[in-house]
């Protein structure tokens, strides 16, 4: 994926999840190392608030409306599950209350969602709950076919695709 191709292959998605898994392990190791210093009610509240605000309302609507979820719930999910939101919350907490190990609940939750479940931020055009979009399924088939093309043309750009479909000029 790059700034011209906003998609991931199965491999790049797994590699990204691996990065999040490494961050998750670091956070969990820190939490375990400071187990006795964590205020557990605060930890649990911080861990839960992300889904209480950002996920559960959208899930409830998704179930109740048979998959029809207004954009506001996607926005709520994305704001609650954004690393920047957690950074701001943790920063404010440190300034107003003081730094503490319970704040590790925030990255543990977010890294866990990404590493263990593969959940990233939600675009408006896909189901609120994971379901393969038919256009994406077709793209995956076409992309896989393009990777197997025996023509020897370098793959990966629109001009390369045009070279495969336009007749050669003699």
Protein backbone atom coordinates (compact mmCIF):
# COMPACT_ATOMS: atom_id res chain seq x y z
CA UNK A 1 0.00 0.00 0.00
CA UNK A 2 1.18 3.47 -0.77
CA UNK A 3 -0.30 6.91 -1.35
CA UNK A 4 -1.55 5.84 -4.79
CA UNK A 5 -2.91 2.40 -3.84
CA UNK A 6 -5.15 2.35 -0.80
CA UNK A 7 -5.46 -1.36 -0.23
CA UNK A 8 -3.59 -4.15 1.46
CA UNK A 9 -2.89 -7.64 0.34
CA UNK A 10 -3.30 -10.51 2.78
CA UNK A 11 0.48 -10.46 3.29
CA UNK A 12 0.79 -6.72 3.93
CA UNK A 13 -2.18 -6.87 6.30
CA UNK A 14 -0.50 -9.68 8.23
CA UNK A 15 2.76 -7.74 8.36
CA UNK A 16 0.94 -4.69 9.69
CA UNK A 17 -0.78 -6.88 12.28
CA UNK A 18 2.65 -8.21 13.25
CA UNK A 19 3.83 -4.65 13.92
CA UNK A 20 0.83 -4.10 16.16
CA UNK A 21 1.49 -7.44 17.87
CA UNK A 22 5.02 -6.33 18.72
CA UNK A 23 3.65 -3.12 20.23
CA UNK A 24 1.02 -5.15 22.11
CA UNK A 25 3.67 -7.45 23.57
CA UNK A 26 5.76 -4.47 24.70
CA UNK A 27 2.73 -2.93 26.43
CA UNK A 28 1.71 -6.22 28.06
CA UNK A 29 5.28 -6.82 29.28
CA UNK A 30 5.29 -3.34 30.82
CA UNK A 31 1.93 -4.02 32.46
CA UNK A 32 3.12 -7.35 33.85
CA UNK A 33 6.35 -5.77 35.08
CA UNK A 34 4.29 -3.18 36.98
CA UNK A 35 1.37 -5.40 37.94
CA UNK A 36 1.31 -4.25 41.55
CA UNK A 37 1.37 -0.58 40.57
CA UNK A 38 -1.66 -0.68 38.27
CA UNK A 39 -4.90 0.72 39.61
CA UNK A 40 -7.13 -2.00 38.20
CA UNK A 41 -10.47 -0.15 38.30
CA UNK A 42 -8.86 2.65 36.27
CA UNK A 43 -7.22 0.15 33.91
CA UNK A 44 -10.51 -1.67 33.31
CA UNK A 45 -12.43 1.57 32.82
CA UNK A 46 -9.89 2.88 30.30
CA UNK A 47 -9.83 -0.46 28.51
CA UNK A 48 -13.62 -0.58 28.30
CA UNK A 49 -14.37 3.04 27.43
CA UNK A 50 -13.00 2.62 23.91
CA UNK A 51 -15.65 0.02 23.06
CA UNK A 52 -18.39 1.42 25.25
CA UNK A 53 -18.23 4.69 23.31
CA UNK A 54 -16.85 3.58 19.98
CA UNK A 55 -18.02 0.05 19.23
CA UNK A 56 -21.00 -1.17 21.22
CA UNK A 57 -23.45 1.55 20.09
CA UNK A 58 -22.65 0.81 16.44
CA UNK A 59 -22.91 -2.93 17.01
CA UNK A 60 -26.29 -2.48 18.66
CA UNK A 61 -27.53 -0.42 15.69
CA UNK A 62 -26.00 -2.90 13.21
CA UNK A 63 -27.95 -5.73 14.85
CA UNK A 64 -31.15 -3.75 15.31
CA UNK A 65 -31.17 -2.30 11.79
CA UNK A 66 -29.92 -5.44 10.03
CA UNK A 67 -26.60 -3.94 8.98
CA UNK A 68 -27.73 -0.38 8.27
CA UNK A 69 -25.47 1.81 10.41
CA UNK A 70 -25.45 5.61 10.13
CA UNK A 71 -22.10 7.27 9.48
CA UNK A 72 -22.04 8.83 12.95
CA UNK A 73 -21.36 5.39 14.43
CA UNK A 74 -18.41 4.88 12.08
CA UNK A 75 -17.06 8.26 13.15
CA UNK A 76 -17.56 7.35 16.80
CA UNK A 77 -15.75 4.05 16.28
CA UNK A 78 -12.87 5.67 14.42
CA UNK A 79 -12.43 8.47 16.94
CA UNK A 80 -12.55 6.08 19.90
CA UNK A 81 -10.16 3.62 18.23
CA UNK A 82 -7.71 6.21 16.94
CA UNK A 83 -4.24 6.18 18.44
CA UNK A 84 -4.30 9.96 18.53
CA UNK A 85 -7.42 10.00 20.69
CA UNK A 86 -5.78 7.66 23.18
CA UNK A 87 -2.61 9.75 23.13
CA UNK A 88 -4.58 12.92 23.89
CA UNK A 89 -6.56 11.16 26.62
CA UNK A 90 -3.37 9.76 28.19
CA UNK A 91 -1.65 13.13 27.91
CA UNK A 92 -4.53 14.94 29.58
CA UNK A 93 -4.67 12.25 32.24
CA UNK A 94 -0.96 12.70 32.94
CA UNK A 95 -1.31 16.47 33.22
CA UNK A 96 -4.50 16.49 35.29
CA UNK A 97 -4.15 13.33 37.40
CA UNK A 98 -0.60 12.18 36.87
CA UNK A 99 1.09 9.41 34.92
CA UNK A 100 0.25 5.87 35.89
CA UNK A 101 0.61 2.35 34.59
CA UNK A 102 -3.15 1.93 34.20
CA UNK A 103 -2.87 4.08 31.07
CA UNK A 104 -1.37 1.03 29.36
CA UNK A 105 -4.97 -0.15 28.98
CA UNK A 106 -5.35 2.23 26.05
CA UNK A 107 -2.57 0.90 23.80
CA UNK A 108 -3.22 -2.67 24.96
CA UNK A 109 -6.81 -2.37 23.77
CA UNK A 110 -5.95 -0.72 20.46
CA UNK A 111 -2.97 -2.94 19.67
CA UNK A 112 -5.02 -5.99 20.65
CA UNK A 113 -7.84 -5.01 18.30
CA UNK A 114 -5.41 -4.55 15.43
CA UNK A 115 -3.01 -7.42 16.11
CA UNK A 116 -5.35 -10.12 17.36
CA UNK A 117 -8.55 -9.34 15.46
CA UNK A 118 -7.23 -7.44 12.45
CA UNK A 119 -9.62 -4.57 13.14
CA UNK A 120 -8.47 -1.25 11.75
CA UNK A 121 -10.40 1.98 11.39
CA UNK A 122 -13.73 1.58 9.59
CA UNK A 123 -14.39 3.20 6.21
CA UNK A 124 -17.98 4.28 5.53
CA UNK A 125 -18.39 2.03 2.50
CA UNK A 126 -18.00 -1.30 4.27
CA UNK A 127 -20.20 -3.11 6.76
CA UNK A 128 -19.81 -2.02 10.37
CA UNK A 129 -19.18 -5.66 11.22
CA UNK A 130 -16.60 -7.51 9.10
CA UNK A 131 -18.16 -8.78 5.88
CA UNK A 132 -16.36 -9.08 2.57
CA UNK A 133 -17.56 -6.33 0.26
CA UNK A 134 -18.46 -7.78 -3.17
CA UNK A 135 -16.43 -5.14 -5.00
CA UNK A 136 -13.42 -5.96 -2.85
CA UNK A 137 -13.87 -9.69 -3.50
CA UNK A 138 -13.82 -8.98 -7.24
CA UNK A 139 -10.77 -6.75 -6.85
CA UNK A 140 -8.93 -9.53 -5.00
CA UNK A 141 -9.70 -11.95 -7.83
CA UNK A 142 -8.56 -9.45 -10.48
CA UNK A 143 -5.45 -8.51 -8.53
CA UNK A 144 -4.48 -12.16 -8.08
CA UNK A 145 -5.00 -12.79 -11.79
CA UNK A 146 -2.81 -9.80 -12.66
CA UNK A 147 -0.04 -11.17 -10.46
CA UNK A 148 -0.11 -14.44 -12.43
CA UNK A 149 0.01 -12.75 -15.84
CA UNK A 150 2.78 -14.46 -17.82
CA UNK A 151 3.41 -11.53 -20.19
CA UNK A 152 6.48 -10.41 -18.32
CA UNK A 153 5.22 -6.83 -18.03
CA UNK A 154 6.14 -5.29 -14.70
CA UNK A 155 3.06 -5.23 -12.53
CA UNK A 156 1.84 -2.54 -10.23
CA UNK A 157 0.80 0.60 -12.06
CA UNK A 158 -2.05 1.88 -14.15
CA UNK A 159 0.30 2.37 -17.08
CA UNK A 160 1.38 -1.24 -16.75
CA UNK A 161 -2.27 -2.28 -16.79
CA UNK A 162 -2.82 -0.17 -19.90
CA UNK A 163 0.15 -1.87 -21.55
CA UNK A 164 -1.51 -5.21 -20.96
CA UNK A 165 -4.81 -4.15 -22.51
CA UNK A 166 -3.77 -1.87 -25.39
CA UNK A 167 -2.65 -3.39 -28.67
CA UNK A 168 1.04 -3.04 -29.42
CA UNK A 169 1.95 -0.35 -31.94
CA UNK A 170 4.21 -1.62 -34.74
